Amino acid sequence: MSTAAPTVHPLDTAVKVARLHLLDRVAYLLAPAAGLLFAFTVDAIIVGMLPSGDRGDHSVGGLAAICVVAFVIGLQSITKGLSFGLSLGLSRRGYYLGTALLAITFAAVSGAILTVLRAVEGATGGWGLSMRMFRLPYILDGSWYEAWLTSFVVLTLLYVYGCWWGLVYRRWTLIGMIAFAAGQVTVVLAGALAATWTHSWSDVGHFFTTLSAVGLTGVLAAVTVALMAGGFTTLRRVTI
């Protein structure tokens, strides 16, 4: 008499995959902290060198550091961990769902940390330098929960975008990555040409200037879902 194999819940598998990724402490703990600290130090030095009569807030771009980190760890979660995960008996679907769960968790925690740093920045007058690194105008200038939501969506988007790049590389190698990049550039150029030929640049500018931060976050959330779907479709035919 045969006994049926125990049913494994997809969420349990996803959690195990996320924990597997978290064995890489450097990628998920050290890299984001080091990237932010380095960017903050460079921006603080530059703002500190400005003439004393130069008053007003100084917006800097150091927050891009953690955006780059999110993309890179998403990329390496596929290029570095996919083969190992599948060798452990994980399915492609299970591995991808677990990676997506980690992307969401990473973005949520990182967004919360950025929101706290944003509050500290406001309380200290921009770190005593009138520097705006975590409270960027328009994007992160609303209430704390809007800032967290925007940070969460942006970091999730970049993580899953990195995953898709990694999947393209695993399926089609370097040639596929070049074609993937060329395709995206072509889409952007086609959009720019269409706006030029139809004299619609003013309408494009009006759309983005009238779009609220919450509306922008909604657009980015829709893009994130599309990227997740695209990555999952690519993963189904990846050969290891």
C-alpha atoms as a PDB file:
ATOM      1  CA  MET A   1       0.000   0.000   0.000  1.00  0.00           C
ATOM      2  CA  SER A   2       1.566   3.280  -1.139  1.00  0.00           C
ATOM      3  CA  THR A   3       1.425   6.440   0.895  1.00  0.00           C
ATOM      4  CA  ALA A   4       0.842   9.804  -0.725  1.00  0.00           C
ATOM      5  CA  ALA A   5       3.662  12.326  -0.558  1.00  0.00           C
ATOM      6  CA  PRO A   6       2.998  15.214   1.806  1.00  0.00           C
ATOM      7  CA  THR A   7       1.676  18.316   0.113  1.00  0.00           C
ATOM      8  CA  VAL A   8       4.038  21.268   0.252  1.00  0.00           C
ATOM      9  CA  HIS A   9       2.345  24.656   0.350  1.00  0.00           C
ATOM     10  CA  PRO A  10       3.745  27.114  -2.268  1.00  0.00           C
ATOM     11  CA  LEU A  11       4.237  29.746   0.445  1.00  0.00           C
ATOM     12  CA  ASP A  12       6.431  27.352   2.444  1.00  0.00           C
ATOM     13  CA  THR A  13       8.594  26.815  -0.622  1.00  0.00           C
ATOM     14  CA  ALA A  14       8.776  30.547  -1.275  1.00  0.00           C
ATOM     15  CA  VAL A  15       9.912  31.196   2.296  1.00  0.00           C
ATOM     16  CA  LYS A  16      12.615  28.526   2.003  1.00  0.00           C
ATOM     17  CA  VAL A  17      13.893  30.081  -1.232  1.00  0.00           C
ATOM     18  CA  ALA A  18      13.970  33.513   0.390  1.00  0.00           C
ATOM     19  CA  ARG A  19      15.946  32.109   3.315  1.00  0.00           C
ATOM     20  CA  LEU A  20      18.314  30.463   0.845  1.00  0.00           C
ATOM     21  CA  HIS A  21      19.009  33.843  -0.738  1.00  0.00           C
ATOM     22  CA  LEU A  22      19.571  35.440   2.662  1.00  0.00           C
ATOM     23  CA  LEU A  23      22.576  33.194   3.260  1.00  0.00           C
ATOM     24  CA  ASP A  24      24.381  35.823   1.196  1.00  0.00           C
ATOM     25  CA  ARG A  25      24.745  38.374   3.990  1.00  0.00           C
ATOM     26  CA  VAL A  26      27.001  40.599   1.905  1.00  0.00           C
ATOM     27  CA  ALA A  27      24.391  41.203  -0.805  1.00  0.00           C
ATOM     28  CA  TYR A  28      21.396  41.787   1.444  1.00  0.00           C
ATOM     29  CA  LEU A  29      22.942  43.472   4.479  1.00  0.00           C
ATOM     30  CA  LEU A  30      26.396  44.860   3.794  1.00  0.00           C
ATOM     31  CA  ALA A  31      25.969  46.082   0.200  1.00  0.00           C
ATOM     32  CA  PRO A  32      22.898  48.319   0.776  1.00  0.00           C
ATOM     33  CA  ALA A  33      24.367  49.839   3.952  1.00  0.00           C
ATOM     34  CA  ALA A  34      27.793  50.377   2.400  1.00  0.00           C
ATOM     35  CA  GLY A  35      26.317  51.870  -0.766  1.00  0.00           C
ATOM     36  CA  LEU A  36      24.166  54.341   1.151  1.00  0.00           C
ATOM     37  CA  LEU A  37      26.981  55.295   3.535  1.00  0.00           C
ATOM     38  CA  PHE A  38      29.420  55.893   0.691  1.00  0.00           C
ATOM     39  CA  ALA A  39      26.901  57.973  -1.294  1.00  0.00           C
ATOM     40  CA  PHE A  40      25.958  59.967   1.817  1.00  0.00           C
ATOM     41  CA  THR A  41      29.618  60.707   2.601  1.00  0.00           C
ATOM     42  CA  VAL A  42      30.354  61.882  -0.936  1.00  0.00           C
ATOM     43  CA  ASP A  43      27.243  64.084  -1.054  1.00  0.00           C
ATOM     44  CA  ALA A  44      27.956  65.558   2.388  1.00  0.00           C
ATOM     45  CA  ILE A  45      31.503  66.448   1.363  1.00  0.00           C
ATOM     46  CA  ILE A  46      30.316  68.108  -1.845  1.00  0.00           C
ATOM     47  CA  VAL A  47      27.546  70.080  -0.113  1.00  0.00           C
ATOM     48  CA  GLY A  48      29.936  71.039   2.671  1.00  0.00           C
ATOM     49  CA  MET A  49      32.313  72.561   0.127  1.00  0.00           C
ATOM     50  CA  LEU A  50      29.665  74.923  -1.250  1.00  0.00           C
ATOM     51  CA  PRO A  51      30.075  78.645  -0.432  1.00  0.00           C
ATOM     52  CA  SER A  52      28.634  79.606   2.953  1.00  0.00           C
ATOM     53  CA  GLY A  53      26.369  82.178   1.275  1.00  0.00           C
ATOM     54  CA  ASP A  54      24.731  79.493  -0.830  1.00  0.00           C
ATOM     55  CA  ARG A  55      21.507  79.049   1.131  1.00  0.00           C
ATOM     56  CA  GLY A  56      18.509  76.868   0.562  1.00  0.00           C
ATOM     57  CA  ASP A  57      18.044  73.134   0.359  1.00  0.00           C
ATOM     58  CA  HIS A  58      20.516  71.122  -1.677  1.00  0.00           C
ATOM     59  CA  SER A  59      19.002  68.056  -3.301  1.00  0.00           C
ATOM     60  CA  VAL A  60      21.534  65.317  -4.013  1.00  0.00           C
ATOM     61  CA  GLY A  61      21.361  62.028  -5.853  1.00  0.00           C
ATOM     62  CA  GLY A  62      22.976  59.681  -3.358  1.00  0.00           C
ATOM     63  CA  LEU A  63      19.772  57.701  -2.939  1.00  0.00           C
ATOM     64  CA  ALA A  64      20.460  56.193  -6.358  1.00  0.00           C
ATOM     65  CA  ALA A  65      23.064  53.995  -4.649  1.00  0.00           C
ATOM     66  CA  ILE A  66      20.504  51.699  -3.063  1.00  0.00           C
ATOM     67  CA  CYS A  67      18.571  51.626  -6.350  1.00  0.00           C
ATOM     68  CA  VAL A  68      21.683  50.271  -8.071  1.00  0.00           C
ATOM     69  CA  VAL A  69      22.153  47.741  -5.257  1.00  0.00           C
ATOM     70  CA  ALA A  70      18.538  46.531  -5.630  1.00  0.00           C
ATOM     71  CA  PHE A  71      19.064  45.975  -9.360  1.00  0.00           C
ATOM     72  CA  VAL A  72      22.380  44.171  -8.868  1.00  0.00           C
ATOM     73  CA  ILE A  73      21.177  41.774  -6.166  1.00  0.00           C
ATOM     74  CA  GLY A  74      18.132  41.004  -8.293  1.00  0.00           C
ATOM     75  CA  LEU A  75      20.472  40.193 -11.165  1.00  0.00           C
ATOM     76  CA  GLN A  76      22.748  37.982  -9.078  1.00  0.00           C
ATOM     77  CA  SER A  77      19.812  36.188  -7.444  1.00  0.00           C
ATOM     78  CA  ILE A  78      19.343  34.567 -10.864  1.00  0.00           C
ATOM     79  CA  THR A  79      22.851  34.363 -12.292  1.00  0.00           C
ATOM     80  CA  LYS A  80      24.327  33.121  -9.016  1.00  0.00           C
ATOM     81  CA  GLY A  81      21.558  31.202  -7.296  1.00  0.00           C
ATOM     82  CA  LEU A  82      19.226  29.710  -9.909  1.00  0.00           C
ATOM     83  CA  SER A  83      21.327  26.662 -10.799  1.00  0.00           C
ATOM     84  CA  PHE A  84      21.973  25.870  -7.151  1.00  0.00           C
ATOM     85  CA  GLY A  85      18.307  26.236  -6.254  1.00  0.00           C
ATOM     86  CA  LEU A  86      17.175  23.914  -9.039  1.00  0.00           C
ATOM     87  CA  SER A  87      19.875  21.395  -8.095  1.00  0.00           C
ATOM     88  CA  LEU A  88      18.208  21.183  -4.679  1.00  0.00           C
ATOM     89  CA  GLY A  89      15.010  19.992  -6.348  1.00  0.00           C
ATOM     90  CA  LEU A  90      13.186  23.316  -6.429  1.00  0.00           C
ATOM     91  CA  SER A  91      10.883  23.980  -9.340  1.00  0.00           C
ATOM     92  CA  ARG A  92      11.351  27.034 -11.545  1.00  0.00           C
ATOM     93  CA  ARG A  93       8.012  28.375 -10.340  1.00  0.00           C
ATOM     94  CA  GLY A  94       8.905  27.847  -6.688  1.00  0.00           C
ATOM     95  CA  TYR A  95      12.285  29.487  -7.091  1.00  0.00           C
ATOM     96  CA  TYR A  96      10.820  32.510  -8.843  1.00  0.00           C
ATOM     97  CA  LEU A  97       8.023  32.967  -6.320  1.00  0.00           C
ATOM     98  CA  GLY A  98      10.531  32.775  -3.476  1.00  0.00           C
ATOM     99  CA  THR A  99      12.759  35.318  -5.172  1.00  0.00           C
ATOM    100  CA  ALA A 100       9.766  37.616  -5.714  1.00  0.00           C
ATOM    101  CA  LEU A 101       8.840  37.233  -2.033  1.00  0.00           C
ATOM    102  CA  LEU A 102      12.342  38.258  -1.035  1.00  0.00           C
ATOM    103  CA  ALA A 103      12.213  41.212  -3.443  1.00  0.00           C
ATOM    104  CA  ILE A 104       9.025  42.448  -1.774  1.00  0.00           C
ATOM    105  CA  THR A 105      10.444  41.899   1.726  1.00  0.00           C
ATOM    106  CA  PHE A 106      13.741  43.588   0.883  1.00  0.00           C
ATOM    107  CA  ALA A 107      11.929  46.568  -0.621  1.00  0.00           C
ATOM    108  CA  ALA A 108       9.542  46.866   2.342  1.00  0.00           C
ATOM    109  CA  VAL A 109      12.323  46.794   4.954  1.00  0.00           C
ATOM    110  CA  SER A 110      14.629  49.058   2.955  1.00  0.00           C
ATOM    111  CA  GLY A 111      11.772  51.489   2.337  1.00  0.00           C
ATOM    112  CA  ALA A 112      11.082  51.623   6.083  1.00  0.00           C
ATOM    113  CA  ILE A 113      14.751  52.383   6.799  1.00  0.00           C
ATOM    114  CA  LEU A 114      14.787  55.120   4.159  1.00  0.00           C
ATOM    115  CA  THR A 115      11.630  56.595   5.672  1.00  0.00           C
ATOM    116  CA  VAL A 116      13.278  56.719   9.111  1.00  0.00           C
ATOM    117  CA  LEU A 117      16.378  58.359   7.644  1.00  0.00           C
ATOM    118  CA  ARG A 118      14.089  60.830   5.886  1.00  0.00           C
ATOM    119  CA  ALA A 119      12.578  61.792   9.250  1.00  0.00           C
ATOM    120  CA  VAL A 120      16.044  62.191  10.791  1.00  0.00           C
ATOM    121  CA  GLU A 121      17.090  64.338   7.849  1.00  0.00           C
ATOM    122  CA  GLY A 122      14.102  66.628   8.404  1.00  0.00           C
ATOM    123  CA  ALA A 123      14.701  66.849  12.171  1.00  0.00           C
ATOM    124  CA  THR A 124      18.375  67.775  11.743  1.00  0.00           C
ATOM    125  CA  GLY A 125      17.852  70.412   9.079  1.00  0.00           C
ATOM    126  CA  GLY A 126      19.293  68.246   6.357  1.00  0.00           C
ATOM    127  CA  TRP A 127      22.098  66.834   8.533  1.00  0.00           C
ATOM    128  CA  GLY A 128      23.094  70.366   9.422  1.00  0.00           C
ATOM    129  CA  LEU A 129      23.922  71.060   5.782  1.00  0.00           C
ATOM    130  CA  SER A 130      20.473  71.721   4.298  1.00  0.00           C
ATOM    131  CA  MET A 131      21.054  68.555   2.284  1.00  0.00           C
ATOM    132  CA  ARG A 132      18.116  66.596   0.885  1.00  0.00           C
ATOM    133  CA  MET A 133      19.133  63.044   0.156  1.00  0.00           C
ATOM    134  CA  PHE A 134      16.158  61.110   1.537  1.00  0.00           C
ATOM    135  CA  ARG A 135      13.446  63.747   1.058  1.00  0.00           C
ATOM    136  CA  LEU A 136      13.673  64.328  -2.650  1.00  0.00           C
ATOM    137  CA  PRO A 137      11.348  66.989  -4.080  1.00  0.00           C
ATOM    138  CA  TYR A 138       8.157  65.673  -5.711  1.00  0.00           C
ATOM    139  CA  ILE A 139       9.136  61.986  -5.421  1.00  0.00           C
ATOM    140  CA  LEU A 140       9.640  61.592  -1.644  1.00  0.00           C
ATOM    141  CA  ASP A 141       8.330  64.922  -0.405  1.00  0.00           C
ATOM    142  CA  GLY A 142       4.889  63.841   0.784  1.00  0.00           C
ATOM    143  CA  SER A 143       3.750  62.168   3.988  1.00  0.00           C
ATOM    144  CA  TRP A 144       5.827  59.406   5.534  1.00  0.00           C
ATOM    145  CA  TYR A 145       3.561  56.610   4.284  1.00  0.00           C
ATOM    146  CA  GLU A 146       3.613  57.990   0.735  1.00  0.00           C
ATOM    147  CA  ALA A 147       7.409  58.137   0.888  1.00  0.00           C
ATOM    148  CA  TRP A 148       7.558  54.554   2.150  1.00  0.00           C
ATOM    149  CA  LEU A 149       5.141  53.328  -0.526  1.00  0.00           C
ATOM    150  CA  THR A 150       7.115  55.018  -3.294  1.00  0.00           C
ATOM    151  CA  SER A 151      10.418  53.637  -1.985  1.00  0.00           C
ATOM    152  CA  PHE A 152       8.879  50.180  -1.692  1.00  0.00           C
ATOM    153  CA  VAL A 153       7.541  50.180  -5.254  1.00  0.00           C
ATOM    154  CA  VAL A 154      10.734  51.582  -6.802  1.00  0.00           C
ATOM    155  CA  LEU A 155      13.012  49.086  -5.049  1.00  0.00           C
ATOM    156  CA  THR A 156      10.738  46.168  -5.916  1.00  0.00           C
ATOM    157  CA  LEU A 157      10.678  47.301  -9.544  1.00  0.00           C
ATOM    158  CA  LEU A 158      14.469  47.490  -9.755  1.00  0.00           C
ATOM    159  CA  TYR A 159      14.926  44.134  -8.036  1.00  0.00           C
ATOM    160  CA  VAL A 160      12.593  42.262 -10.399  1.00  0.00           C
ATOM    161  CA  TYR A 161      14.030  44.171 -13.359  1.00  0.00           C
ATOM    162  CA  GLY A 162      17.457  42.861 -12.360  1.00  0.00           C
ATOM    163  CA  CYS A 163      15.964  39.365 -12.121  1.00  0.00           C
ATOM    164  CA  TRP A 164      14.665  39.642 -15.677  1.00  0.00           C
ATOM    165  CA  TRP A 165      18.085  40.672 -16.952  1.00  0.00           C
ATOM    166  CA  GLY A 166      19.573  37.660 -15.183  1.00  0.00           C
ATOM    167  CA  LEU A 167      16.989  35.350 -16.734  1.00  0.00           C
ATOM    168  CA  VAL A 168      17.675  36.745 -20.189  1.00  0.00           C
ATOM    169  CA  TYR A 169      21.365  36.049 -19.675  1.00  0.00           C
ATOM    170  CA  ARG A 170      20.745  32.492 -18.449  1.00  0.00           C
ATOM    171  CA  ARG A 171      18.531  31.735 -21.429  1.00  0.00           C
ATOM    172  CA  TRP A 172      20.293  33.555 -24.295  1.00  0.00           C
ATOM    173  CA  THR A 173      23.724  34.498 -22.832  1.00  0.00           C
ATOM    174  CA  LEU A 174      25.471  37.716 -23.875  1.00  0.00           C
ATOM    175  CA  ILE A 175      23.851  37.935 -27.297  1.00  0.00           C
ATOM    176  CA  GLY A 176      20.437  37.803 -25.682  1.00  0.00           C
ATOM    177  CA  MET A 177      21.339  40.567 -23.249  1.00  0.00           C
ATOM    178  CA  ILE A 178      22.504  42.777 -26.102  1.00  0.00           C
ATOM    179  CA  ALA A 179      19.280  42.123 -28.010  1.00  0.00           C
ATOM    180  CA  PHE A 180      17.247  42.731 -24.839  1.00  0.00           C
ATOM    181  CA  ALA A 181      18.947  46.083 -24.298  1.00  0.00           C
ATOM    182  CA  ALA A 182      18.610  47.004 -27.960  1.00  0.00           C
ATOM    183  CA  GLY A 183      14.904  46.215 -27.878  1.00  0.00           C
ATOM    184  CA  GLN A 184      14.322  48.512 -24.909  1.00  0.00           C
ATOM    185  CA  VAL A 185      16.320  51.321 -26.488  1.00  0.00           C
ATOM    186  CA  THR A 186      14.318  50.879 -29.687  1.00  0.00           C
ATOM    187  CA  VAL A 187      11.040  51.202 -27.785  1.00  0.00           C
ATOM    188  CA  VAL A 188      12.243  54.407 -26.105  1.00  0.00           C
ATOM    189  CA  LEU A 189      13.444  55.867 -29.398  1.00  0.00           C
ATOM    190  CA  ALA A 190      10.176  54.935 -31.111  1.00  0.00           C
ATOM    191  CA  GLY A 191       8.255  56.719 -28.379  1.00  0.00           C
ATOM    192  CA  ALA A 192      10.490  59.778 -28.659  1.00  0.00           C
ATOM    193  CA  LEU A 193      10.111  59.879 -32.436  1.00  0.00           C
ATOM    194  CA  ALA A 194       6.336  59.488 -32.178  1.00  0.00           C
ATOM    195  CA  ALA A 195       6.155  62.378 -29.706  1.00  0.00           C
ATOM    196  CA  THR A 196       8.339  64.484 -32.000  1.00  0.00           C
ATOM    197  CA  TRP A 197       6.393  63.761 -35.178  1.00  0.00           C
ATOM    198  CA  THR A 198       3.045  64.383 -33.500  1.00  0.00           C
ATOM    199  CA  HIS A 199       4.338  67.445 -31.613  1.00  0.00           C
ATOM    200  CA  SER A 200       3.213  65.839 -28.351  1.00  0.00           C
ATOM    201  CA  TRP A 201       6.167  66.636 -26.107  1.00  0.00           C
ATOM    202  CA  SER A 202       4.164  69.354 -24.354  1.00  0.00           C
ATOM    203  CA  ASP A 203       1.430  66.802 -23.607  1.00  0.00           C
ATOM    204  CA  VAL A 204       4.006  64.367 -22.242  1.00  0.00           C
ATOM    205  CA  GLY A 205       5.479  67.064 -20.033  1.00  0.00           C
ATOM    206  CA  HIS A 206       2.030  68.099 -18.869  1.00  0.00           C
ATOM    207  CA  PHE A 207       1.187  64.506 -17.949  1.00  0.00           C
ATOM    208  CA  PHE A 208       4.221  64.093 -15.705  1.00  0.00           C
ATOM    209  CA  THR A 209       4.016  67.556 -14.146  1.00  0.00           C
ATOM    210  CA  THR A 210       0.352  67.107 -13.225  1.00  0.00           C
ATOM    211  CA  LEU A 211       0.793  63.509 -12.057  1.00  0.00           C
ATOM    212  CA  SER A 212       0.930  63.337  -8.273  1.00  0.00           C
ATOM    213  CA  ALA A 213       3.544  61.315  -6.410  1.00  0.00           C
ATOM    214  CA  VAL A 214       0.881  58.733  -5.581  1.00  0.00           C
ATOM    215  CA  GLY A 215      -0.154  58.570  -9.230  1.00  0.00           C
ATOM    216  CA  LEU A 216       3.472  58.060 -10.262  1.00  0.00           C
ATOM    217  CA  THR A 217       3.781  55.284  -7.710  1.00  0.00           C
ATOM    218  CA  GLY A 218       0.710  53.622  -9.212  1.00  0.00           C
ATOM    219  CA  VAL A 219       2.253  53.738 -12.680  1.00  0.00           C
ATOM    220  CA  LEU A 220       5.492  52.240 -11.361  1.00  0.00           C
ATOM    221  CA  ALA A 221       3.536  49.512  -9.548  1.00  0.00           C
ATOM    222  CA  ALA A 222       1.875  48.539 -12.840  1.00  0.00           C
ATOM    223  CA  VAL A 223       5.301  48.405 -14.510  1.00  0.00           C
ATOM    224  CA  THR A 224       6.569  46.216 -11.668  1.00  0.00           C
ATOM    225  CA  VAL A 225       3.766  43.696 -12.192  1.00  0.00           C
ATOM    226  CA  ALA A 226       4.528  43.645 -15.923  1.00  0.00           C
ATOM    227  CA  LEU A 227       8.223  43.010 -15.215  1.00  0.00           C
ATOM    228  CA  MET A 228       7.363  40.149 -12.866  1.00  0.00           C
ATOM    229  CA  ALA A 229       5.180  38.575 -15.536  1.00  0.00           C
ATOM    230  CA  GLY A 230       7.884  39.011 -18.166  1.00  0.00           C
ATOM    231  CA  GLY A 231      10.503  37.431 -15.924  1.00  0.00           C
ATOM    232  CA  PHE A 232       8.280  34.468 -15.112  1.00  0.00           C
ATOM    233  CA  THR A 233       7.557  33.888 -18.796  1.00  0.00           C
ATOM    234  CA  THR A 234      11.292  33.926 -19.562  1.00  0.00           C
ATOM    235  CA  LEU A 235      12.108  31.570 -16.674  1.00  0.00           C
ATOM    236  CA  ARG A 236       9.771  28.832 -17.923  1.00  0.00           C
ATOM    237  CA  ARG A 237      12.084  28.107 -20.859  1.00  0.00           C
ATOM    238  CA  VAL A 238      15.455  28.620 -19.171  1.00  0.00           C
ATOM    239  CA  THR A 239      17.665  25.552 -19.495  1.00  0.00           C
ATOM    240  CA  ILE A 240      20.159  24.756 -16.750  1.00  0.00           C
END
